Amino acid sequence: MLVVRGWLRTQTVARDDITAVEVVPYTGMLAGRDVDRFFRMLRITCRRGRDVYVESLMGSPATVQAIAIGIERWVLSREDDVPPHR
């Protein structure tokens, strides 16, 4: 189970429900003229047709990409360990 703790709500996503983890331009509450050019966030695509946007994980493209890769590796592994970057 992946737990996404945001600023206003907490969402959970079952590991088997995750189909993709992507880095997308930041569109959260702090988005402005310059912020969305330089910052990225995660979008987790699920089998059930919903996307989970992780605005609370805002950062530079390289940082967010590294976290996305870690989550993808966790999703693909069959071990019962916890996801990275708790």
PDB file of N, CA and C in Angstrom:
ATOM      1  N   MET A   1       0.851  -1.176   0.000  1.00  0.00           N
ATOM      2  CA  MET A   1       0.000   0.000   0.000  1.00  0.00           C
ATOM      3  C   MET A   1       0.897   1.240   0.000  1.00  0.00           C
ATOM      4  N   LEU A   2       0.666   2.124  -0.923  1.00  0.00           N
ATOM      5  CA  LEU A   2       1.372   3.399  -0.978  1.00  0.00           C
ATOM      6  C   LEU A   2       0.488   4.438  -0.307  1.00  0.00           C
ATOM      7  N   VAL A   3       1.026   5.112   0.682  1.00  0.00           N
ATOM      8  CA  VAL A   3       0.283   6.144   1.396  1.00  0.00           C
ATOM      9  C   VAL A   3       0.834   7.496   0.962  1.00  0.00           C
ATOM     10  N   VAL A   4      -0.047   8.346   0.449  1.00  0.00           N
ATOM     11  CA  VAL A   4       0.329   9.684   0.000  1.00  0.00           C
ATOM     12  C   VAL A   4      -0.273  10.676   0.987  1.00  0.00           C
ATOM     13  N   ARG A   5       0.590  11.268   1.790  1.00  0.00           N
ATOM     14  CA  ARG A   5       0.133  12.248   2.778  1.00  0.00           C
ATOM     15  C   ARG A   5       0.307  13.643   2.194  1.00  0.00           C
ATOM     16  N   GLY A   6      -0.796  14.269   1.897  1.00  0.00           N
ATOM     17  CA  GLY A   6      -0.772  15.608   1.340  1.00  0.00           C
ATOM     18  C   GLY A   6      -0.945  16.658   2.414  1.00  0.00           C
ATOM     19  N   TRP A   7      -1.041  17.896   1.980  1.00  0.00           N
ATOM     20  CA  TRP A   7      -1.219  18.997   2.915  1.00  0.00           C
ATOM     21  C   TRP A   7      -2.616  18.981   3.521  1.00  0.00           C
ATOM     22  N   LEU A   8      -3.598  18.565   2.735  1.00  0.00           N
ATOM     23  CA  LEU A   8      -4.981  18.613   3.200  1.00  0.00           C
ATOM     24  C   LEU A   8      -5.626  17.248   3.368  1.00  0.00           C
ATOM     25  N   ARG A   9      -5.086  16.210   2.730  1.00  0.00           N
ATOM     26  CA  ARG A   9      -5.700  14.894   2.817  1.00  0.00           C
ATOM     27  C   ARG A   9      -4.642  13.808   2.650  1.00  0.00           C
ATOM     28  N   THR A  10      -5.019  12.606   3.057  1.00  0.00           N
ATOM     29  CA  THR A  10      -4.170  11.436   2.898  1.00  0.00           C
ATOM     30  C   THR A  10      -4.888  10.464   1.980  1.00  0.00           C
ATOM     31  N   GLN A  11      -4.155   9.961   0.985  1.00  0.00           N
ATOM     32  CA  GLN A  11      -4.729   9.009   0.038  1.00  0.00           C
ATOM     33  C   GLN A  11      -3.911   7.723   0.095  1.00  0.00           C
ATOM     34  N   THR A  12      -4.548   6.601  -0.146  1.00  0.00           N
ATOM     35  CA  THR A  12      -3.842   5.333  -0.221  1.00  0.00           C
ATOM     36  C   THR A  12      -4.083   4.708  -1.591  1.00  0.00           C
ATOM     37  N   VAL A  13      -3.051   4.057  -2.090  1.00  0.00           N
ATOM     38  CA  VAL A  13      -3.132   3.390  -3.380  1.00  0.00           C
ATOM     39  C   VAL A  13      -2.526   2.001  -3.205  1.00  0.00           C
ATOM     40  N   ALA A  14      -3.264   0.982  -3.574  1.00  0.00           N
ATOM     41  CA  ALA A  14      -2.742  -0.381  -3.509  1.00  0.00           C
ATOM     42  C   ALA A  14      -1.634  -0.554  -4.538  1.00  0.00           C
ATOM     43  N   ARG A  15      -0.593  -1.286  -4.162  1.00  0.00           N
ATOM     44  CA  ARG A  15       0.547  -1.494  -5.068  1.00  0.00           C
ATOM     45  C   ARG A  15       0.086  -2.078  -6.398  1.00  0.00           C
ATOM     46  N   ASP A  16      -0.812  -3.060  -6.361  1.00  0.00           N
ATOM     47  CA  ASP A  16      -1.273  -3.706  -7.598  1.00  0.00           C
ATOM     48  C   ASP A  16      -2.117  -2.789  -8.471  1.00  0.00           C
ATOM     49  N   ASP A  17      -2.597  -1.688  -7.917  1.00  0.00           N
ATOM     50  CA  ASP A  17      -3.433  -0.750  -8.664  1.00  0.00           C
ATOM     51  C   ASP A  17      -2.600   0.275  -9.445  1.00  0.00           C
ATOM     52  N   ILE A  18      -1.318   0.414  -9.132  1.00  0.00           N
ATOM     53  CA  ILE A  18      -0.467   1.420  -9.779  1.00  0.00           C
ATOM     54  C   ILE A  18       0.014   0.902 -11.123  1.00  0.00           C
ATOM     55  N   THR A  19      -0.245   1.675 -12.183  1.00  0.00           N
ATOM     56  CA  THR A  19       0.219   1.293 -13.522  1.00  0.00           C
ATOM     57  C   THR A  19       1.369   2.161 -14.002  1.00  0.00           C
ATOM     58  N   ALA A  20       1.481   3.383 -13.499  1.00  0.00           N
ATOM     59  CA  ALA A  20       2.567   4.258 -13.936  1.00  0.00           C
ATOM     60  C   ALA A  20       2.824   5.340 -12.894  1.00  0.00           C
ATOM     61  N   VAL A  21       4.067   5.782 -12.840  1.00  0.00           N
ATOM     62  CA  VAL A  21       4.454   6.909 -11.997  1.00  0.00           C
ATOM     63  C   VAL A  21       5.172   7.885 -12.913  1.00  0.00           C
ATOM     64  N   GLU A  22       4.626   9.090 -13.040  1.00  0.00           N
ATOM     65  CA  GLU A  22       5.179  10.075 -13.977  1.00  0.00           C
ATOM     66  C   GLU A  22       5.536  11.371 -13.265  1.00  0.00           C
ATOM     67  N   VAL A  23       6.501  12.054 -13.825  1.00  0.00           N
ATOM     68  CA  VAL A  23       6.868  13.388 -13.356  1.00  0.00           C
ATOM     69  C   VAL A  23       6.160  14.387 -14.267  1.00  0.00           C
ATOM     70  N   VAL A  24       5.375  15.271 -13.659  1.00  0.00           N
ATOM     71  CA  VAL A  24       4.598  16.245 -14.432  1.00  0.00           C
ATOM     72  C   VAL A  24       4.850  17.654 -13.884  1.00  0.00           C
ATOM     73  N   PRO A  25       4.566  18.690 -14.669  1.00  0.00           N
ATOM     74  CA  PRO A  25       4.720  20.052 -14.153  1.00  0.00           C
ATOM     75  C   PRO A  25       3.856  20.286 -12.922  1.00  0.00           C
ATOM     76  N   TYR A  26       4.363  21.041 -11.976  1.00  0.00           N
ATOM     77  CA  TYR A  26       3.647  21.333 -10.736  1.00  0.00           C
ATOM     78  C   TYR A  26       2.430  22.196 -11.019  1.00  0.00           C
ATOM     79  N   THR A  27       1.275  21.771 -10.506  1.00  0.00           N
ATOM     80  CA  THR A  27       0.039  22.535 -10.695  1.00  0.00           C
ATOM     81  C   THR A  27      -0.703  22.733  -9.382  1.00  0.00           C
ATOM     82  N   GLY A  28      -0.005  22.600  -8.271  1.00  0.00           N
ATOM     83  CA  GLY A  28      -0.639  22.717  -6.965  1.00  0.00           C
ATOM     84  C   GLY A  28      -0.966  24.148  -6.584  1.00  0.00           C
ATOM     85  N   MET A  29      -1.284  24.336  -5.299  1.00  0.00           N
ATOM     86  CA  MET A  29      -1.723  25.637  -4.800  1.00  0.00           C
ATOM     87  C   MET A  29      -0.675  26.733  -4.966  1.00  0.00           C
ATOM     88  N   LEU A  30       0.600  26.361  -4.977  1.00  0.00           N
ATOM     89  CA  LEU A  30       1.667  27.359  -5.077  1.00  0.00           C
ATOM     90  C   LEU A  30       2.059  27.675  -6.508  1.00  0.00           C
ATOM     91  N   ALA A  31       1.387  27.065  -7.462  1.00  0.00           N
ATOM     92  CA  ALA A  31       1.746  27.281  -8.868  1.00  0.00           C
ATOM     93  C   ALA A  31       1.547  28.738  -9.251  1.00  0.00           C
ATOM     94  N   GLY A  32       2.503  29.247  -9.916  1.00  0.00           N
ATOM     95  CA  GLY A  32       2.448  30.622 -10.388  1.00  0.00           C
ATOM     96  C   GLY A  32       3.200  30.721 -11.693  1.00  0.00           C
ATOM     97  N   ARG A  33       3.517  31.911 -12.062  1.00  0.00           N
ATOM     98  CA  ARG A  33       4.173  32.122 -13.340  1.00  0.00           C
ATOM     99  C   ARG A  33       5.529  31.432 -13.425  1.00  0.00           C
ATOM    100  N   ASP A  34       6.324  31.490 -12.368  1.00  0.00           N
ATOM    101  CA  ASP A  34       7.658  30.914 -12.412  1.00  0.00           C
ATOM    102  C   ASP A  34       7.748  29.537 -11.765  1.00  0.00           C
ATOM    103  N   VAL A  35       6.896  29.267 -10.789  1.00  0.00           N
ATOM    104  CA  VAL A  35       6.999  28.022 -10.039  1.00  0.00           C
ATOM    105  C   VAL A  35       6.792  26.822 -10.940  1.00  0.00           C
ATOM    106  N   ASP A  36       5.774  26.848 -11.792  1.00  0.00           N
ATOM    107  CA  ASP A  36       5.475  25.674 -12.594  1.00  0.00           C
ATOM    108  C   ASP A  36       6.532  25.393 -13.654  1.00  0.00           C
ATOM    109  N   ARG A  37       7.363  26.364 -13.976  1.00  0.00           N
ATOM    110  CA  ARG A  37       8.451  26.133 -14.926  1.00  0.00           C
ATOM    111  C   ARG A  37       9.592  25.353 -14.306  1.00  0.00           C
ATOM    112  N   PHE A  38       9.837  25.566 -13.032  1.00  0.00           N
ATOM    113  CA  PHE A  38      11.009  25.003 -12.385  1.00  0.00           C
ATOM    114  C   PHE A  38      10.717  23.802 -11.492  1.00  0.00           C
ATOM    115  N   PHE A  39       9.493  23.602 -11.091  1.00  0.00           N
ATOM    116  CA  PHE A  39       9.165  22.535 -10.154  1.00  0.00           C
ATOM    117  C   PHE A  39       8.296  21.475 -10.801  1.00  0.00           C
ATOM    118  N   ARG A  40       8.444  20.266 -10.303  1.00  0.00           N
ATOM    119  CA  ARG A  40       7.681  19.132 -10.791  1.00  0.00           C
ATOM    120  C   ARG A  40       7.018  18.419  -9.619  1.00  0.00           C
ATOM    121  N   MET A  41       6.051  17.559  -9.934  1.00  0.00           N
ATOM    122  CA  MET A  41       5.384  16.736  -8.931  1.00  0.00           C
ATOM    123  C   MET A  41       5.116  15.377  -9.558  1.00  0.00           C
ATOM    124  N   LEU A  42       4.581  14.458  -8.786  1.00  0.00           N
ATOM    125  CA  LEU A  42       4.286  13.123  -9.287  1.00  0.00           C
ATOM    126  C   LEU A  42       2.816  12.969  -9.653  1.00  0.00           C
ATOM    127  N   ARG A  43       2.594  12.159 -10.675  1.00  0.00           N
ATOM    128  CA  ARG A  43       1.242  11.709 -11.009  1.00  0.00           C
ATOM    129  C   ARG A  43       1.289  10.185 -11.009  1.00  0.00           C
ATOM    130  N   ILE A  44       0.466   9.576 -10.189  1.00  0.00           N
ATOM    131  CA  ILE A  44       0.390   8.125 -10.099  1.00  0.00           C
ATOM    132  C   ILE A  44      -0.876   7.692 -10.814  1.00  0.00           C
ATOM    133  N   THR A  45      -0.713   6.916 -11.876  1.00  0.00           N
ATOM    134  CA  THR A  45      -1.838   6.435 -12.666  1.00  0.00           C
ATOM    135  C   THR A  45      -2.249   5.058 -12.139  1.00  0.00           C
ATOM    136  N   CYS A  46      -3.548   4.903 -11.939  1.00  0.00           N
ATOM    137  CA  CYS A  46      -4.074   3.668 -11.354  1.00  0.00           C
ATOM    138  C   CYS A  46      -4.924   2.906 -12.360  1.00  0.00           C
ATOM    139  N   ARG A  47      -5.023   1.607 -12.155  1.00  0.00           N
ATOM    140  CA  ARG A  47      -5.823   0.743 -13.041  1.00  0.00           C
ATOM    141  C   ARG A  47      -7.297   1.110 -13.032  1.00  0.00           C
ATOM    142  N   ARG A  48      -7.767   1.606 -11.946  1.00  0.00           N
ATOM    143  CA  ARG A  48      -9.195   1.898 -11.820  1.00  0.00           C
ATOM    144  C   ARG A  48      -9.599   3.221 -12.450  1.00  0.00           C
ATOM    145  N   GLY A  49      -8.697   3.804 -13.233  1.00  0.00           N
ATOM    146  CA  GLY A  49      -9.049   4.990 -13.992  1.00  0.00           C
ATOM    147  C   GLY A  49      -8.891   6.314 -13.268  1.00  0.00           C
ATOM    148  N   ARG A  50      -8.237   6.316 -12.122  1.00  0.00           N
ATOM    149  CA  ARG A  50      -8.044   7.590 -11.432  1.00  0.00           C
ATOM    150  C   ARG A  50      -6.560   7.897 -11.352  1.00  0.00           C
ATOM    151  N   ASP A  51      -6.241   9.146 -11.382  1.00  0.00           N
ATOM    152  CA  ASP A  51      -4.868   9.597 -11.210  1.00  0.00           C
ATOM    153  C   ASP A  51      -4.742  10.247  -9.848  1.00  0.00           C
ATOM    154  N   VAL A  52      -3.632   9.987  -9.182  1.00  0.00           N
ATOM    155  CA  VAL A  52      -3.345  10.612  -7.906  1.00  0.00           C
ATOM    156  C   VAL A  52      -2.212  11.600  -8.143  1.00  0.00           C
ATOM    157  N   TYR A  53      -2.496  12.876  -7.951  1.00  0.00           N
ATOM    158  CA  TYR A  53      -1.477  13.914  -8.099  1.00  0.00           C
ATOM    159  C   TYR A  53      -0.875  14.191  -6.731  1.00  0.00           C
ATOM    160  N   VAL A  54       0.437  14.186  -6.662  1.00  0.00           N
ATOM    161  CA  VAL A  54       1.138  14.366  -5.388  1.00  0.00           C
ATOM    162  C   VAL A  54       1.752  15.758  -5.381  1.00  0.00           C
ATOM    163  N   GLU A  55       0.908  16.774  -5.105  1.00  0.00           N
ATOM    164  CA  GLU A  55       1.381  18.152  -5.086  1.00  0.00           C
ATOM    165  C   GLU A  55       2.310  18.424  -3.909  1.00  0.00           C
ATOM    166  N   SER A  56       2.124  17.681  -2.826  1.00  0.00           N
ATOM    167  CA  SER A  56       2.953  17.917  -1.640  1.00  0.00           C
ATOM    168  C   SER A  56       4.383  17.443  -1.842  1.00  0.00           C
ATOM    169  N   LEU A  57       4.644  16.731  -2.918  1.00  0.00           N
ATOM    170  CA  LEU A  57       5.996  16.310  -3.243  1.00  0.00           C
ATOM    171  C   LEU A  57       6.480  17.188  -4.389  1.00  0.00           C
ATOM    172  N   MET A  58       6.744  18.421  -4.086  1.00  0.00           N
ATOM    173  CA  MET A  58       7.170  19.381  -5.097  1.00  0.00           C
ATOM    174  C   MET A  58       8.678  19.507  -5.011  1.00  0.00           C
ATOM    175  N   GLY A  59       9.354  19.572  -6.147  1.00  0.00           N
ATOM    176  CA  GLY A  59      10.798  19.731  -6.113  1.00  0.00           C
ATOM    177  C   GLY A  59      11.363  19.925  -7.498  1.00  0.00           C
ATOM    178  N   SER A  60      12.684  19.911  -7.568  1.00  0.00           N
ATOM    179  CA  SER A  60      13.342  20.066  -8.856  1.00  0.00           C
ATOM    180  C   SER A  60      13.061  18.824  -9.703  1.00  0.00           C
ATOM    181  N   PRO A  61      13.162  18.943 -11.022  1.00  0.00           N
ATOM    182  CA  PRO A  61      12.891  17.791 -11.875  1.00  0.00           C
ATOM    183  C   PRO A  61      13.743  16.568 -11.522  1.00  0.00           C
ATOM    184  N   ALA A  62      15.025  16.764 -11.227  1.00  0.00           N
ATOM    185  CA  ALA A  62      15.904  15.629 -10.921  1.00  0.00           C
ATOM    186  C   ALA A  62      15.504  14.945  -9.624  1.00  0.00           C
ATOM    187  N   THR A  63      15.144  15.716  -8.613  1.00  0.00           N
ATOM    188  CA  THR A  63      14.745  15.143  -7.324  1.00  0.00           C
ATOM    189  C   THR A  63      13.459  14.336  -7.456  1.00  0.00           C
ATOM    190  N   VAL A  64      12.470  14.907  -8.109  1.00  0.00           N
ATOM    191  CA  VAL A  64      11.191  14.222  -8.267  1.00  0.00           C
ATOM    192  C   VAL A  64      11.352  12.989  -9.154  1.00  0.00           C
ATOM    193  N   GLN A  65      12.202  13.065 -10.166  1.00  0.00           N
ATOM    194  CA  GLN A  65      12.459  11.912 -11.035  1.00  0.00           C
ATOM    195  C   GLN A  65      13.083  10.766 -10.239  1.00  0.00           C
ATOM    196  N   ALA A  66      14.005  11.078  -9.346  1.00  0.00           N
ATOM    197  CA  ALA A  66      14.636  10.041  -8.521  1.00  0.00           C
ATOM    198  C   ALA A  66      13.599   9.355  -7.628  1.00  0.00           C
ATOM    199  N   ILE A  67      12.690  10.119  -7.082  1.00  0.00           N
ATOM    200  CA  ILE A  67      11.633   9.538  -6.236  1.00  0.00           C
ATOM    201  C   ILE A  67      10.693   8.684  -7.084  1.00  0.00           C
ATOM    202  N   ALA A  68      10.357   9.152  -8.281  1.00  0.00           N
ATOM    203  CA  ALA A  68       9.491   8.380  -9.184  1.00  0.00           C
ATOM    204  C   ALA A  68      10.133   7.034  -9.523  1.00  0.00           C
ATOM    205  N   ILE A  69      11.426   7.036  -9.786  1.00  0.00           N
ATOM    206  CA  ILE A  69      12.134   5.789 -10.102  1.00  0.00           C
ATOM    207  C   ILE A  69      12.095   4.846  -8.905  1.00  0.00           C
ATOM    208  N   GLY A  70      12.283   5.386  -7.706  1.00  0.00           N
ATOM    209  CA  GLY A  70      12.215   4.565  -6.502  1.00  0.00           C
ATOM    210  C   GLY A  70      10.849   3.929  -6.313  1.00  0.00           C
ATOM    211  N   ILE A  71       9.800   4.682  -6.559  1.00  0.00           N
ATOM    212  CA  ILE A  71       8.443   4.137  -6.422  1.00  0.00           C
ATOM    213  C   ILE A  71       8.172   3.088  -7.488  1.00  0.00           C
ATOM    214  N   GLU A  72       8.621   3.338  -8.726  1.00  0.00           N
ATOM    215  CA  GLU A  72       8.435   2.352  -9.788  1.00  0.00           C
ATOM    216  C   GLU A  72       9.141   1.043  -9.457  1.00  0.00           C
ATOM    217  N   ARG A  73      10.361   1.136  -8.920  1.00  0.00           N
ATOM    218  CA  ARG A  73      11.082  -0.087  -8.538  1.00  0.00           C
ATOM    219  C   ARG A  73      10.338  -0.824  -7.444  1.00  0.00           C
ATOM    220  N   TRP A  74       9.776  -0.090  -6.489  1.00  0.00           N
ATOM    221  CA  TRP A  74       9.015  -0.706  -5.411  1.00  0.00           C
ATOM    222  C   TRP A  74       7.772  -1.396  -5.967  1.00  0.00           C
ATOM    223  N   VAL A  75       7.096  -0.756  -6.912  1.00  0.00           N
ATOM    224  CA  VAL A  75       5.888  -1.335  -7.501  1.00  0.00           C
ATOM    225  C   VAL A  75       6.229  -2.630  -8.242  1.00  0.00           C
ATOM    226  N   LEU A  76       7.339  -2.636  -8.967  1.00  0.00           N
ATOM    227  CA  LEU A  76       7.714  -3.804  -9.760  1.00  0.00           C
ATOM    228  C   LEU A  76       8.255  -4.942  -8.903  1.00  0.00           C
ATOM    229  N   SER A  77       8.816  -4.623  -7.753  1.00  0.00           N
ATOM    230  CA  SER A  77       9.346  -5.682  -6.876  1.00  0.00           C
ATOM    231  C   SER A  77       8.183  -6.395  -6.212  1.00  0.00           C
ATOM    232  N   ARG A  78       8.398  -7.612  -5.853  1.00  0.00           N
ATOM    233  CA  ARG A  78       7.341  -8.380  -5.201  1.00  0.00           C
ATOM    234  C   ARG A  78       7.613  -8.536  -3.711  1.00  0.00           C
ATOM    235  N   GLU A  79       8.572  -7.788  -3.210  1.00  0.00           N
ATOM    236  CA  GLU A  79       8.887  -7.865  -1.793  1.00  0.00           C
ATOM    237  C   GLU A  79       7.878  -7.063  -0.988  1.00  0.00           C
ATOM    238  N   ASP A  80       7.699  -7.414   0.254  1.00  0.00           N
ATOM    239  CA  ASP A  80       6.735  -6.740   1.118  1.00  0.00           C
ATOM    240  C   ASP A  80       7.364  -5.610   1.912  1.00  0.00           C
ATOM    241  N   ASP A  81       8.367  -4.988   1.360  1.00  0.00           N
ATOM    242  CA  ASP A  81       9.005  -3.876   2.062  1.00  0.00           C
ATOM    243  C   ASP A  81       8.188  -2.603   1.892  1.00  0.00           C
ATOM    244  N   VAL A  82       8.568  -1.583   2.599  1.00  0.00           N
ATOM    245  CA  VAL A  82       7.857  -0.316   2.497  1.00  0.00           C
ATOM    246  C   VAL A  82       8.378   0.468   1.305  1.00  0.00           C
ATOM    247  N   PRO A  83       7.558   1.346   0.733  1.00  0.00           N
ATOM    248  CA  PRO A  83       8.020   2.143  -0.398  1.00  0.00           C
ATOM    249  C   PRO A  83       9.107   3.110   0.032  1.00  0.00           C
ATOM    250  N   PRO A  84       9.938   3.556  -0.905  1.00  0.00           N
ATOM    251  CA  PRO A  84      11.016   4.481  -0.588  1.00  0.00           C
ATOM    252  C   PRO A  84      10.492   5.876  -0.242  1.00  0.00           C
ATOM    253  N   HIS A  85      11.341   6.693   0.343  1.00  0.00           N
ATOM    254  CA  HIS A  85      11.047   8.107   0.610  1.00  0.00           C
ATOM    255  C   HIS A  85       9.798   8.268   1.444  1.00  0.00           C
ATOM    256  N   ARG A  86       9.782   7.639   2.591  1.00  0.00           N
ATOM    257  CA  ARG A  86       8.621   7.733   3.477  1.00  0.00           C
ATOM    258  C   ARG A  86       8.470   9.114   4.009  1.00  0.00           C
TER     259      ARG A  86
END
